Amino acid sequence: MHLAYPAVLSALLFCTGLYGVLARRNAILVLMSVELMLNAVNLNLVAFDVWLSRAARETLHSGQALTLFTIAIAAAEIGIGLAIVLAVYRNRGTSDIDKLRDTAEGPETRGPGTEGPGSSAAEKAEATA
């Protein structure tokens, strides 16, 4: 098989994953798109390793070893990422990235007479004095 076939397939997978990262608002779909991009890189690593191993007699298959390392890192990343997304969903009730960004910023300015959950007793006493 020629090297162009897996390279084109890898480019299509990577572009699909990039589109998913840029266009999606759901955090789980963004994580899936990142995994798609990592799989495209893994396909390239294996394809180039096979292509280069035909040229050299003694090969170390470093592309395949690096692919296994990347798969292990991706599995850890998706496990931690899903745990974070589930914790945020339990606390905030949504996994929409835009809404999470808006709630993380909080109120822009609070006047001295405004009381909120973060107002301390010292701030209240200072506002009344």
Protein backbone atom coordinates (compact mmCIF):
# COMPACT_ATOMS: atom_id res chain seq x y z
CA MET A 1 0.00 0.00 0.00
CA HIS A 2 1.22 3.45 -0.85
CA LEU A 3 1.97 5.98 1.90
CA ALA A 4 -0.51 8.51 0.48
CA TYR A 5 -3.60 6.51 1.48
CA PRO A 6 -3.06 6.49 5.25
CA ALA A 7 -1.72 10.06 5.11
CA VAL A 8 -4.88 11.33 3.41
CA LEU A 9 -7.08 9.36 5.80
CA SER A 10 -5.12 10.76 8.72
CA ALA A 11 -5.50 14.31 7.41
CA LEU A 12 -9.26 13.83 7.05
CA LEU A 13 -9.52 12.44 10.58
CA PHE A 14 -7.46 15.31 11.98
CA CYS A 15 -9.53 17.94 10.15
CA THR A 16 -12.75 16.33 11.40
CA GLY A 17 -11.41 16.41 14.95
CA LEU A 18 -10.27 20.01 14.58
CA TYR A 19 -13.71 21.01 13.34
CA GLY A 20 -15.26 19.23 16.31
CA VAL A 21 -13.03 21.08 18.77
CA LEU A 22 -13.74 24.47 17.22
CA ALA A 23 -17.48 24.09 16.49
CA ARG A 24 -18.87 22.01 19.35
CA ARG A 25 -20.16 23.47 22.60
CA ASN A 26 -20.58 20.24 24.57
CA ALA A 27 -17.49 19.35 26.59
CA ILE A 28 -17.84 15.60 25.99
CA LEU A 29 -17.98 16.11 22.22
CA VAL A 30 -14.88 18.30 22.44
CA LEU A 31 -13.05 15.49 24.28
CA MET A 32 -14.15 13.02 21.61
CA SER A 33 -12.82 15.35 18.92
CA VAL A 34 -9.47 15.56 20.69
CA GLU A 35 -9.35 11.76 20.74
CA LEU A 36 -10.06 11.73 17.00
CA MET A 37 -7.11 14.06 16.44
CA LEU A 38 -4.84 11.83 18.54
CA ASN A 39 -5.92 8.78 16.54
CA ALA A 40 -5.05 10.61 13.32
CA VAL A 41 -1.56 11.24 14.68
CA ASN A 42 -1.27 7.57 15.69
CA LEU A 43 -2.23 6.48 12.18
CA ASN A 44 0.49 8.71 10.76
CA LEU A 45 3.08 7.34 13.18
CA VAL A 46 2.33 3.73 12.27
CA ALA A 47 2.14 4.43 8.53
CA PHE A 48 5.49 6.22 8.46
CA ASP A 49 7.05 3.54 10.65
CA VAL A 50 5.98 0.83 8.22
CA TRP A 51 7.13 2.92 5.26
CA LEU A 52 10.54 3.60 6.80
CA SER A 53 11.02 0.00 7.96
CA ARG A 54 10.95 -1.20 4.35
CA ALA A 55 13.96 1.00 3.58
CA ALA A 56 16.15 -0.07 6.51
CA ARG A 57 17.09 -3.63 7.41
CA GLU A 58 17.38 -3.16 11.18
CA THR A 59 14.45 -1.23 12.51
CA LEU A 60 13.44 -0.37 16.03
CA HIS A 61 9.78 0.30 15.18
CA SER A 62 9.93 3.51 17.13
CA GLY A 63 6.75 4.81 15.49
CA GLN A 64 4.73 1.90 16.83
CA ALA A 65 6.28 2.25 20.28
CA LEU A 66 5.45 5.95 20.29
CA THR A 67 1.90 5.09 19.22
CA LEU A 68 1.48 2.79 22.21
CA PHE A 69 2.75 5.57 24.47
CA THR A 70 0.31 8.02 22.88
CA ILE A 71 -2.59 5.60 23.36
CA ALA A 72 -1.73 5.25 27.05
CA ILE A 73 -1.54 9.03 27.48
CA ALA A 74 -4.85 9.47 25.61
CA ALA A 75 -6.57 6.90 27.85
CA ALA A 76 -5.39 8.74 30.95
CA GLU A 77 -6.43 12.08 29.45
CA ILE A 78 -9.92 10.92 28.60
CA GLY A 79 -10.37 9.39 32.06
CA ILE A 80 -9.37 12.58 33.84
CA GLY A 81 -11.26 14.75 31.35
CA LEU A 82 -14.49 12.80 31.78
CA ALA A 83 -14.14 12.95 35.57
CA ILE A 84 -13.76 16.73 35.41
CA VAL A 85 -16.70 17.12 33.01
CA LEU A 86 -18.95 14.96 35.21
CA ALA A 87 -17.98 16.91 38.33
CA VAL A 88 -18.70 20.21 36.59
CA TYR A 89 -22.01 18.86 35.30
CA ARG A 90 -23.05 17.82 38.80
CA ASN A 91 -22.18 21.24 40.22
CA ARG A 92 -23.43 23.51 37.43
CA GLY A 93 -26.07 21.36 35.71
CA THR A 94 -24.67 21.87 32.22
CA SER A 95 -21.71 20.80 30.12
CA ASP A 96 -22.05 23.65 27.63
CA ILE A 97 -18.64 25.30 27.34
CA ASP A 98 -19.97 28.82 26.70
CA LYS A 99 -22.25 28.74 29.74
CA LEU A 100 -19.44 27.42 31.91
CA ARG A 101 -17.18 30.22 30.76
CA ASP A 102 -19.84 32.82 31.59
CA THR A 103 -20.47 31.46 35.08
CA ALA A 104 -16.77 31.20 35.85
CA GLU A 105 -16.24 34.92 35.34
CA GLY A 106 -18.85 35.91 37.95
CA PRO A 107 -20.33 39.37 38.40
CA GLU A 108 -18.25 42.15 36.93
CA THR A 109 -18.70 44.87 39.56
CA ARG A 110 -20.46 44.89 42.86
CA GLY A 111 -21.44 48.08 44.56
CA PRO A 112 -20.94 48.69 48.26
CA GLY A 113 -24.65 48.15 49.03
CA THR A 114 -24.94 44.86 47.17
CA GLU A 115 -25.07 41.78 49.28
CA GLY A 116 -24.23 38.49 47.77
CA PRO A 117 -23.17 35.10 48.96
CA GLY A 118 -19.54 36.26 49.04
CA SER A 119 -20.15 39.32 51.24
CA SER A 120 -18.37 39.12 54.55
CA ALA A 121 -19.36 40.72 57.84
CA ALA A 122 -16.53 43.28 57.52
CA GLU A 123 -17.78 44.37 54.09
CA LYS A 124 -21.32 44.74 55.43
CA ALA A 125 -20.14 46.81 58.41
CA GLU A 126 -18.03 49.00 56.13
CA ALA A 127 -20.97 49.57 53.79
CA THR A 128 -23.26 50.70 56.62
CA ALA A 129 -20.65 53.00 58.26
